[in-house]
PDB file of N, CA and C in Angstrom:
ATOM      1  N   MET A   1     -63.054 -25.554  46.387  1.00  0.00           N
ATOM      2  CA  MET A   1     -63.094 -26.482  47.506  1.00  0.00           C
ATOM      3  C   MET A   1     -64.439 -26.302  48.235  1.00  0.00           C
ATOM      4  N   ASN A   2     -65.080 -27.419  48.543  1.00  0.00           N
ATOM      5  CA  ASN A   2     -66.361 -27.362  49.251  1.00  0.00           C
ATOM      6  C   ASN A   2     -66.169 -27.241  50.763  1.00  0.00           C
ATOM      7  N   GLY A   3     -64.946 -27.089  51.186  1.00  0.00           N
ATOM      8  CA  GLY A   3     -64.648 -26.982  52.604  1.00  0.00           C
ATOM      9  C   GLY A   3     -63.967 -28.214  53.142  1.00  0.00           C
ATOM     10  N   ILE A   4     -64.093 -29.345  52.416  1.00  0.00           N
ATOM     11  CA  ILE A   4     -63.427 -30.592  52.816  1.00  0.00           C
ATOM     12  C   ILE A   4     -62.818 -31.185  51.562  1.00  0.00           C
ATOM     13  N   GLU A   5     -61.518 -31.464  51.614  1.00  0.00           N
ATOM     14  CA  GLU A   5     -60.821 -31.923  50.424  1.00  0.00           C
ATOM     15  C   GLU A   5     -59.892 -33.083  50.795  1.00  0.00           C
ATOM     16  N   ARG A   6     -59.854 -34.086  49.943  1.00  0.00           N
ATOM     17  CA  ARG A   6     -58.959 -35.228  50.166  1.00  0.00           C
ATOM     18  C   ARG A   6     -57.511 -34.785  49.946  1.00  0.00           C
ATOM     19  N   ASP A   7     -56.617 -35.253  50.817  1.00  0.00           N
ATOM     20  CA  ASP A   7     -55.196 -34.904  50.719  1.00  0.00           C
ATOM     21  C   ASP A   7     -54.390 -36.131  51.079  1.00  0.00           C
ATOM     22  N   GLY A   8     -54.035 -36.935  50.084  1.00  0.00           N
ATOM     23  CA  GLY A   8     -53.297 -38.162  50.340  1.00  0.00           C
ATOM     24  C   GLY A   8     -54.141 -39.135  51.154  1.00  0.00           C
ATOM     25  N   ASP A   9     -53.639 -39.552  52.303  1.00  0.00           N
ATOM     26  CA  ASP A   9     -54.361 -40.466  53.178  1.00  0.00           C
ATOM     27  C   ASP A   9     -55.349 -39.771  54.092  1.00  0.00           C
ATOM     28  N   GLY A  10     -55.350 -38.451  54.103  1.00  0.00           N
ATOM     29  CA  GLY A  10     -56.219 -37.698  54.990  1.00  0.00           C
ATOM     30  C   GLY A  10     -57.079 -36.692  54.279  1.00  0.00           C
ATOM     31  N   PHE A  11     -57.522 -35.696  55.040  1.00  0.00           N
ATOM     32  CA  PHE A  11     -58.409 -34.667  54.501  1.00  0.00           C
ATOM     33  C   PHE A  11     -57.964 -33.323  55.044  1.00  0.00           C
ATOM     34  N   VAL A  12     -58.263 -32.298  54.287  1.00  0.00           N
ATOM     35  CA  VAL A  12     -58.063 -30.903  54.717  1.00  0.00           C
ATOM     36  C   VAL A  12     -59.460 -30.309  54.887  1.00  0.00           C
ATOM     37  N   VAL A  13     -59.726 -29.744  56.079  1.00  0.00           N
ATOM     38  CA  VAL A  13     -61.015 -29.161  56.379  1.00  0.00           C
ATOM     39  C   VAL A  13     -60.812 -27.658  56.542  1.00  0.00           C
ATOM     40  N   ASP A  14     -61.580 -26.886  55.817  1.00  0.00           N
ATOM     41  CA  ASP A  14     -61.479 -25.444  55.874  1.00  0.00           C
ATOM     42  C   ASP A  14     -61.787 -24.953  57.290  1.00  0.00           C
ATOM     43  N   ALA A  15     -61.033 -23.966  57.749  1.00  0.00           N
ATOM     44  CA  ALA A  15     -61.195 -23.430  59.107  1.00  0.00           C
ATOM     45  C   ALA A  15     -62.576 -22.841  59.339  1.00  0.00           C
ATOM     46  N   THR A  16     -63.250 -22.423  58.291  1.00  0.00           N
ATOM     47  CA  THR A  16     -64.587 -21.834  58.465  1.00  0.00           C
ATOM     48  C   THR A  16     -65.593 -22.878  58.951  1.00  0.00           C
ATOM     49  N   ILE A  17     -65.399 -24.134  58.595  1.00  0.00           N
ATOM     50  CA  ILE A  17     -66.292 -25.211  59.076  1.00  0.00           C
ATOM     51  C   ILE A  17     -66.115 -25.379  60.577  1.00  0.00           C
ATOM     52  N   LEU A  18     -64.875 -25.399  61.023  1.00  0.00           N
ATOM     53  CA  LEU A  18     -64.606 -25.486  62.476  1.00  0.00           C
ATOM     54  C   LEU A  18     -65.035 -24.245  63.205  1.00  0.00           C
ATOM     55  N   SER A  19     -64.868 -23.110  62.562  1.00  0.00           N
ATOM     56  CA  SER A  19     -65.267 -21.816  63.140  1.00  0.00           C
ATOM     57  C   SER A  19     -66.752 -21.822  63.485  1.00  0.00           C
ATOM     58  N   ALA A  20     -67.561 -22.279  62.544  1.00  0.00           N
ATOM     59  CA  ALA A  20     -69.012 -22.327  62.766  1.00  0.00           C
ATOM     60  C   ALA A  20     -69.359 -23.298  63.896  1.00  0.00           C
ATOM     61  N   ALA A  21     -68.666 -24.415  63.973  1.00  0.00           N
ATOM     62  CA  ALA A  21     -68.969 -25.415  64.996  1.00  0.00           C
ATOM     63  C   ALA A  21     -68.552 -24.985  66.402  1.00  0.00           C
ATOM     64  N   PHE A  22     -67.413 -24.315  66.498  1.00  0.00           N
ATOM     65  CA  PHE A  22     -66.847 -23.960  67.806  1.00  0.00           C
ATOM     66  C   PHE A  22     -67.071 -22.507  68.184  1.00  0.00           C
ATOM     67  N   GLY A  23     -67.686 -21.723  67.305  1.00  0.00           N
ATOM     68  CA  GLY A  23     -67.994 -20.346  67.616  1.00  0.00           C
ATOM     69  C   GLY A  23     -66.780 -19.462  67.809  1.00  0.00           C
ATOM     70  N   ARG A  24     -65.751 -19.702  67.050  1.00  0.00           N
ATOM     71  CA  ARG A  24     -64.520 -18.914  67.077  1.00  0.00           C
ATOM     72  C   ARG A  24     -64.167 -18.435  65.684  1.00  0.00           C
ATOM     73  N   PRO A  25     -63.508 -17.281  65.539  1.00  0.00           N
ATOM     74  CA  PRO A  25     -63.127 -16.831  64.202  1.00  0.00           C
ATOM     75  C   PRO A  25     -62.075 -17.744  63.572  1.00  0.00           C
ATOM     76  N   ALA A  26     -62.110 -17.834  62.259  1.00  0.00           N
ATOM     77  CA  ALA A  26     -61.214 -18.738  61.521  1.00  0.00           C
ATOM     78  C   ALA A  26     -59.738 -18.537  61.884  1.00  0.00           C
ATOM     79  N   PRO A  27     -59.208 -17.321  62.020  1.00  0.00           N
ATOM     80  CA  PRO A  27     -57.801 -17.186  62.397  1.00  0.00           C
ATOM     81  C   PRO A  27     -57.497 -17.817  63.760  1.00  0.00           C
ATOM     82  N   GLU A  28     -58.429 -17.725  64.693  1.00  0.00           N
ATOM     83  CA  GLU A  28     -58.238 -18.346  65.997  1.00  0.00           C
ATOM     84  C   GLU A  28     -58.269 -19.884  65.868  1.00  0.00           C
ATOM     85  N   ILE A  29     -59.104 -20.386  64.997  1.00  0.00           N
ATOM     86  CA  ILE A  29     -59.162 -21.844  64.735  1.00  0.00           C
ATOM     87  C   ILE A  29     -57.806 -22.318  64.208  1.00  0.00           C
ATOM     88  N   ARG A  30     -57.255 -21.619  63.271  1.00  0.00           N
ATOM     89  CA  ARG A  30     -55.954 -22.004  62.712  1.00  0.00           C
ATOM     90  C   ARG A  30     -54.874 -21.993  63.774  1.00  0.00           C
ATOM     91  N   ALA A  31     -54.855 -20.956  64.597  1.00  0.00           N
ATOM     92  CA  ALA A  31     -53.863 -20.886  65.675  1.00  0.00           C
ATOM     93  C   ALA A  31     -54.060 -22.018  66.685  1.00  0.00           C
ATOM     94  N   SER A  32     -55.313 -22.333  66.994  1.00  0.00           N
ATOM     95  CA  SER A  32     -55.609 -23.418  67.956  1.00  0.00           C
ATOM     96  C   SER A  32     -55.195 -24.765  67.400  1.00  0.00           C
ATOM     97  N   MET A  33     -55.288 -24.968  66.094  1.00  0.00           N
ATOM     98  CA  MET A  33     -54.823 -26.215  65.471  1.00  0.00           C
ATOM     99  C   MET A  33     -53.312 -26.310  65.587  1.00  0.00           C
ATOM    100  N   ARG A  34     -52.626 -25.196  65.328  1.00  0.00           N
ATOM    101  CA  ARG A  34     -51.162 -25.201  65.361  1.00  0.00           C
ATOM    102  C   ARG A  34     -50.640 -25.463  66.753  1.00  0.00           C
ATOM    103  N   ASP A  35     -51.287 -24.888  67.781  1.00  0.00           N
ATOM    104  CA  ASP A  35     -50.706 -25.011  69.131  1.00  0.00           C
ATOM    105  C   ASP A  35     -51.337 -26.167  69.936  1.00  0.00           C
ATOM    106  N   GLY A  36     -52.192 -26.968  69.318  1.00  0.00           N
ATOM    107  CA  GLY A  36     -52.694 -28.170  69.976  1.00  0.00           C
ATOM    108  C   GLY A  36     -53.950 -27.989  70.814  1.00  0.00           C
ATOM    109  N   ARG A  37     -54.538 -26.787  70.820  1.00  0.00           N
ATOM    110  CA  ARG A  37     -55.801 -26.602  71.566  1.00  0.00           C
ATOM    111  C   ARG A  37     -56.976 -27.243  70.867  1.00  0.00           C
ATOM    112  N   ILE A  38     -56.878 -27.429  69.557  1.00  0.00           N
ATOM    113  CA  ILE A  38     -57.842 -28.225  68.800  1.00  0.00           C
ATOM    114  C   ILE A  38     -57.082 -29.453  68.330  1.00  0.00           C
ATOM    115  N   THR A  39     -57.648 -30.630  68.632  1.00  0.00           N
ATOM    116  CA  THR A  39     -57.072 -31.881  68.187  1.00  0.00           C
ATOM    117  C   THR A  39     -58.059 -32.573  67.243  1.00  0.00           C
ATOM    118  N   SER A  40     -57.564 -33.563  66.525  1.00  0.00           N
ATOM    119  CA  SER A  40     -58.457 -34.247  65.577  1.00  0.00           C
ATOM    120  C   SER A  40     -58.102 -35.724  65.479  1.00  0.00           C
ATOM    121  N   ARG A  41     -59.063 -36.442  64.921  1.00  0.00           N
ATOM    122  CA  ARG A  41     -58.916 -37.868  64.672  1.00  0.00           C
ATOM    123  C   ARG A  41     -59.586 -38.180  63.351  1.00  0.00           C
ATOM    124  N   CYS A  42     -58.917 -39.015  62.529  1.00  0.00           N
ATOM    125  CA  CYS A  42     -59.465 -39.460  61.259  1.00  0.00           C
ATOM    126  C   CYS A  42     -59.588 -40.969  61.302  1.00  0.00           C
ATOM    127  N   GLU A  43     -60.820 -41.473  61.117  1.00  0.00           N
ATOM    128  CA  GLU A  43     -61.080 -42.900  61.163  1.00  0.00           C
ATOM    129  C   GLU A  43     -61.633 -43.383  59.836  1.00  0.00           C
ATOM    130  N   THR A  44     -61.105 -44.491  59.341  1.00  0.00           N
ATOM    131  CA  THR A  44     -61.513 -45.086  58.075  1.00  0.00           C
ATOM    132  C   THR A  44     -62.590 -46.125  58.317  1.00  0.00           C
ATOM    133  N   GLY A  45     -63.695 -46.043  57.573  1.00  0.00           N
ATOM    134  CA  GLY A  45     -64.765 -46.982  57.714  1.00  0.00           C
ATOM    135  C   GLY A  45     -64.395 -48.335  57.151  1.00  0.00           C
ATOM    136  N   SER A  46     -65.023 -49.390  57.685  1.00  0.00           N
ATOM    137  CA  SER A  46     -64.847 -50.738  57.145  1.00  0.00           C
ATOM    138  C   SER A  46     -66.205 -51.433  57.104  1.00  0.00           C
ATOM    139  N   GLY A  47     -66.249 -52.557  56.445  1.00  0.00           N
ATOM    140  CA  GLY A  47     -67.516 -53.296  56.327  1.00  0.00           C
ATOM    141  C   GLY A  47     -68.565 -52.423  55.648  1.00  0.00           C
ATOM    142  N   ALA A  48     -69.714 -52.276  56.285  1.00  0.00           N
ATOM    143  CA  ALA A  48     -70.807 -51.469  55.745  1.00  0.00           C
ATOM    144  C   ALA A  48     -70.423 -50.008  55.584  1.00  0.00           C
ATOM    145  N   ASP A  49     -69.402 -49.546  56.308  1.00  0.00           N
ATOM    146  CA  ASP A  49     -68.956 -48.154  56.215  1.00  0.00           C
ATOM    147  C   ASP A  49     -67.746 -47.944  55.312  1.00  0.00           C
ATOM    148  N   ALA A  50     -67.343 -48.971  54.565  1.00  0.00           N
ATOM    149  CA  ALA A  50     -66.196 -48.840  53.679  1.00  0.00           C
ATOM    150  C   ALA A  50     -66.466 -47.699  52.692  1.00  0.00           C
ATOM    151  N   GLY A  51     -65.424 -46.905  52.412  1.00  0.00           N
ATOM    152  CA  GLY A  51     -65.556 -45.759  51.538  1.00  0.00           C
ATOM    153  C   GLY A  51     -66.016 -44.489  52.243  1.00  0.00           C
ATOM    154  N   ARG A  52     -66.092 -44.589  53.565  1.00  0.00           N
ATOM    155  CA  ARG A  52     -66.443 -43.421  54.375  1.00  0.00           C
ATOM    156  C   ARG A  52     -65.344 -43.149  55.399  1.00  0.00           C
ATOM    157  N   TRP A  53     -65.242 -41.900  55.791  1.00  0.00           N
ATOM    158  CA  TRP A  53     -64.296 -41.510  56.820  1.00  0.00           C
ATOM    159  C   TRP A  53     -65.017 -40.677  57.851  1.00  0.00           C
ATOM    160  N   ARG A  54     -64.582 -40.813  59.109  1.00  0.00           N
ATOM    161  CA  ARG A  54     -65.149 -39.991  60.214  1.00  0.00           C
ATOM    162  C   ARG A  54     -64.045 -39.092  60.690  1.00  0.00           C
ATOM    163  N   LEU A  55     -64.233 -37.793  60.553  1.00  0.00           N
ATOM    164  CA  LEU A  55     -63.268 -36.787  60.989  1.00  0.00           C
ATOM    165  C   LEU A  55     -63.832 -36.128  62.240  1.00  0.00           C
ATOM    166  N   THR A  56     -63.104 -36.207  63.340  1.00  0.00           N
ATOM    167  CA  THR A  56     -63.602 -35.640  64.604  1.00  0.00           C
ATOM    168  C   THR A  56     -62.611 -34.620  65.106  1.00  0.00           C
ATOM    169  N   PHE A  57     -63.100 -33.448  65.454  1.00  0.00           N
ATOM    170  CA  PHE A  57     -62.299 -32.347  65.970  1.00  0.00           C
ATOM    171  C   PHE A  57     -62.756 -32.071  67.397  1.00  0.00           C
ATOM    172  N   TYR A  58     -61.804 -31.853  68.317  1.00  0.00           N
ATOM    173  CA  TYR A  58     -62.091 -31.636  69.736  1.00  0.00           C
ATOM    174  C   TYR A  58     -61.557 -30.276  70.131  1.00  0.00           C
ATOM    175  N   HIS A  59     -62.415 -29.519  70.894  1.00  0.00           N
ATOM    176  CA  HIS A  59     -61.980 -28.223  71.406  1.00  0.00           C
ATOM    177  C   HIS A  59     -62.834 -27.840  72.619  1.00  0.00           C
ATOM    178  N   GLU A  60     -62.189 -27.628  73.728  1.00  0.00           N
ATOM    179  CA  GLU A  60     -62.821 -27.114  74.970  1.00  0.00           C
ATOM    180  C   GLU A  60     -64.137 -27.808  75.320  1.00  0.00           C
ATOM    181  N   GLY A  61     -64.108 -29.132  75.354  1.00  0.00           N
ATOM    182  CA  GLY A  61     -65.295 -29.869  75.790  1.00  0.00           C
ATOM    183  C   GLY A  61     -66.361 -30.029  74.713  1.00  0.00           C
ATOM    184  N   ARG A  62     -66.047 -29.678  73.483  1.00  0.00           N
ATOM    185  CA  ARG A  62     -66.982 -29.865  72.356  1.00  0.00           C
ATOM    186  C   ARG A  62     -66.292 -30.670  71.281  1.00  0.00           C
ATOM    187  N   ALA A  63     -67.091 -31.370  70.489  1.00  0.00           N
ATOM    188  CA  ALA A  63     -66.561 -32.142  69.361  1.00  0.00           C
ATOM    189  C   ALA A  63     -67.408 -31.839  68.129  1.00  0.00           C
ATOM    190  N   LEU A  64     -66.727 -31.781  66.999  1.00  0.00           N
ATOM    191  CA  LEU A  64     -67.348 -31.697  65.705  1.00  0.00           C
ATOM    192  C   LEU A  64     -67.030 -33.002  64.983  1.00  0.00           C
ATOM    193  N   ARG A  65     -68.040 -33.713  64.550  1.00  0.00           N
ATOM    194  CA  ARG A  65     -67.815 -34.951  63.797  1.00  0.00           C
ATOM    195  C   ARG A  65     -68.405 -34.812  62.410  1.00  0.00           C
ATOM    196  N   LEU A  66     -67.531 -35.058  61.413  1.00  0.00           N
ATOM    197  CA  LEU A  66     -67.905 -35.005  60.005  1.00  0.00           C
ATOM    198  C   LEU A  66     -67.725 -36.393  59.409  1.00  0.00           C
ATOM    199  N   THR A  67     -68.758 -36.910  58.753  1.00  0.00           N
ATOM    200  CA  THR A  67     -68.639 -38.139  58.014  1.00  0.00           C
ATOM    201  C   THR A  67     -68.608 -37.784  56.547  1.00  0.00           C
ATOM    202  N   VAL A  68     -67.555 -38.252  55.857  1.00  0.00           N
ATOM    203  CA  VAL A  68     -67.327 -37.866  54.456  1.00  0.00           C
ATOM    204  C   VAL A  68     -67.073 -39.102  53.594  1.00  0.00           C
ATOM    205  N   ASN A  69     -67.222 -38.939  52.282  1.00  0.00           N
ATOM    206  CA  ASN A  69     -66.865 -39.995  51.378  1.00  0.00           C
ATOM    207  C   ASN A  69     -65.442 -39.747  50.841  1.00  0.00           C
ATOM    208  N   ALA A  70     -64.985 -40.591  49.912  1.00  0.00           N
ATOM    209  CA  ALA A  70     -63.619 -40.498  49.403  1.00  0.00           C
ATOM    210  C   ALA A  70     -63.318 -39.172  48.736  1.00  0.00           C
ATOM    211  N   GLU A  71     -64.331 -38.490  48.198  1.00  0.00           N
ATOM    212  CA  GLU A  71     -64.136 -37.201  47.546  1.00  0.00           C
ATOM    213  C   GLU A  71     -64.214 -36.020  48.523  1.00  0.00           C
ATOM    214  N   GLY A  72     -64.544 -36.314  49.774  1.00  0.00           N
ATOM    215  CA  GLY A  72     -64.658 -35.259  50.761  1.00  0.00           C
ATOM    216  C   GLY A  72     -66.058 -34.694  50.852  1.00  0.00           C
ATOM    217  N   ALA A  73     -67.032 -35.286  50.149  1.00  0.00           N
ATOM    218  CA  ALA A  73     -68.420 -34.807  50.251  1.00  0.00           C
ATOM    219  C   ALA A  73     -68.962 -35.100  51.633  1.00  0.00           C
ATOM    220  N   LEU A  74     -69.578 -34.104  52.233  1.00  0.00           N
ATOM    221  CA  LEU A  74     -70.121 -34.241  53.583  1.00  0.00           C
ATOM    222  C   LEU A  74     -71.384 -35.095  53.563  1.00  0.00           C
ATOM    223  N   LEU A  75     -71.364 -36.183  54.343  1.00  0.00           N
ATOM    224  CA  LEU A  75     -72.513 -37.066  54.438  1.00  0.00           C
ATOM    225  C   LEU A  75     -73.296 -36.845  55.715  1.00  0.00           C
ATOM    226  N   LYS A  76     -72.602 -36.447  56.770  1.00  0.00           N
ATOM    227  CA  LYS A  76     -73.244 -36.207  58.077  1.00  0.00           C
ATOM    228  C   LYS A  76     -72.374 -35.280  58.889  1.00  0.00           C
ATOM    229  N   ARG A  77     -73.009 -34.449  59.700  1.00  0.00           N
ATOM    230  CA  ARG A  77     -72.324 -33.484  60.573  1.00  0.00           C
ATOM    231  C   ARG A  77     -73.014 -33.458  61.903  1.00  0.00           C
ATOM    232  N   SER A  78     -72.219 -33.495  62.992  1.00  0.00           N
ATOM    233  CA  SER A  78     -72.799 -33.371  64.341  1.00  0.00           C
ATOM    234  C   SER A  78     -71.825 -32.655  65.229  1.00  0.00           C
ATOM    235  N   VAL A  79     -72.355 -31.919  66.192  1.00  0.00           N
ATOM    236  CA  VAL A  79     -71.589 -31.214  67.221  1.00  0.00           C
ATOM    237  C   VAL A  79     -72.169 -31.666  68.527  1.00  0.00           C
ATOM    238  N   PHE A  80     -71.272 -32.028  69.486  1.00  0.00           N
ATOM    239  CA  PHE A  80     -71.759 -32.537  70.760  1.00  0.00           C
ATOM    240  C   PHE A  80     -70.726 -32.274  71.849  1.00  0.00           C
ATOM    241  N   ASP A  81     -71.165 -32.360  73.113  1.00  0.00           N
ATOM    242  CA  ASP A  81     -70.291 -32.184  74.256  1.00  0.00           C
ATOM    243  C   ASP A  81     -69.479 -33.464  74.488  1.00  0.00           C
ATOM    244  N   VAL A  82     -68.223 -33.258  74.950  1.00  0.00           N
ATOM    245  CA  VAL A  82     -67.349 -34.342  75.332  1.00  0.00           C
ATOM    246  C   VAL A  82     -66.612 -33.920  76.584  1.00  0.00           C
ATOM    247  N   ALA A  83     -66.046 -34.880  77.297  1.00  0.00           N
ATOM    248  CA  ALA A  83     -65.192 -34.563  78.431  1.00  0.00           C
ATOM    249  C   ALA A  83     -63.953 -33.834  77.891  1.00  0.00           C
ATOM    250  N   PRO A  84     -63.540 -32.732  78.515  1.00  0.00           N
ATOM    251  CA  PRO A  84     -62.349 -32.008  78.056  1.00  0.00           C
ATOM    252  C   PRO A  84     -61.129 -32.945  78.064  1.00  0.00           C
ATOM    253  N   VAL A  85     -60.324 -32.851  77.019  1.00  0.00           N
ATOM    254  CA  VAL A  85     -59.116 -33.641  76.905  1.00  0.00           C
ATOM    255  C   VAL A  85     -57.952 -32.757  77.300  1.00  0.00           C
ATOM    256  N   PRO A  86     -57.064 -33.229  78.199  1.00  0.00           N
ATOM    257  CA  PRO A  86     -55.903 -32.392  78.567  1.00  0.00           C
ATOM    258  C   PRO A  86     -55.039 -32.126  77.329  1.00  0.00           C
ATOM    259  N   SER A  87     -54.537 -30.925  77.243  1.00  0.00           N
ATOM    260  CA  SER A  87     -53.679 -30.544  76.153  1.00  0.00           C
ATOM    261  C   SER A  87     -52.392 -31.354  76.171  1.00  0.00           C
ATOM    262  N   ILE A  88     -51.891 -31.727  74.970  1.00  0.00           N
ATOM    263  CA  ILE A  88     -50.627 -32.458  74.901  1.00  0.00           C
ATOM    264  C   ILE A  88     -49.446 -31.501  74.788  1.00  0.00           C
ATOM    265  N   MET A  89     -49.731 -30.231  74.656  1.00  0.00           N
ATOM    266  CA  MET A  89     -48.681 -29.213  74.555  1.00  0.00           C
ATOM    267  C   MET A  89     -48.435 -28.594  75.967  1.00  0.00           C
ATOM    268  N   PRO A  90     -47.193 -28.365  76.279  1.00  0.00           N
ATOM    269  CA  PRO A  90     -46.920 -27.750  77.596  1.00  0.00           C
ATOM    270  C   PRO A  90     -47.370 -26.324  77.691  1.00  0.00           C
TER     271      PRO A  90
END
């Protein structure tokens, strides 16, 4: 696995990729995904972007955005600040 793998209608992203972006160890990334401290969005491209997907992960006012093709090959990566999103978990 190159770190991003197609899984049905979505993708599986290795925790080490998120770890590097958010500066947290992989086990903490996995726990944060399970308890809702890290959230994600998967968007399917259309028109000129058909065949591409945008995977965005949010954590503590930061976002990691990965643009990938149907095989999960990384086309673009960016990390940027965002307004903190309130947790959906109590």
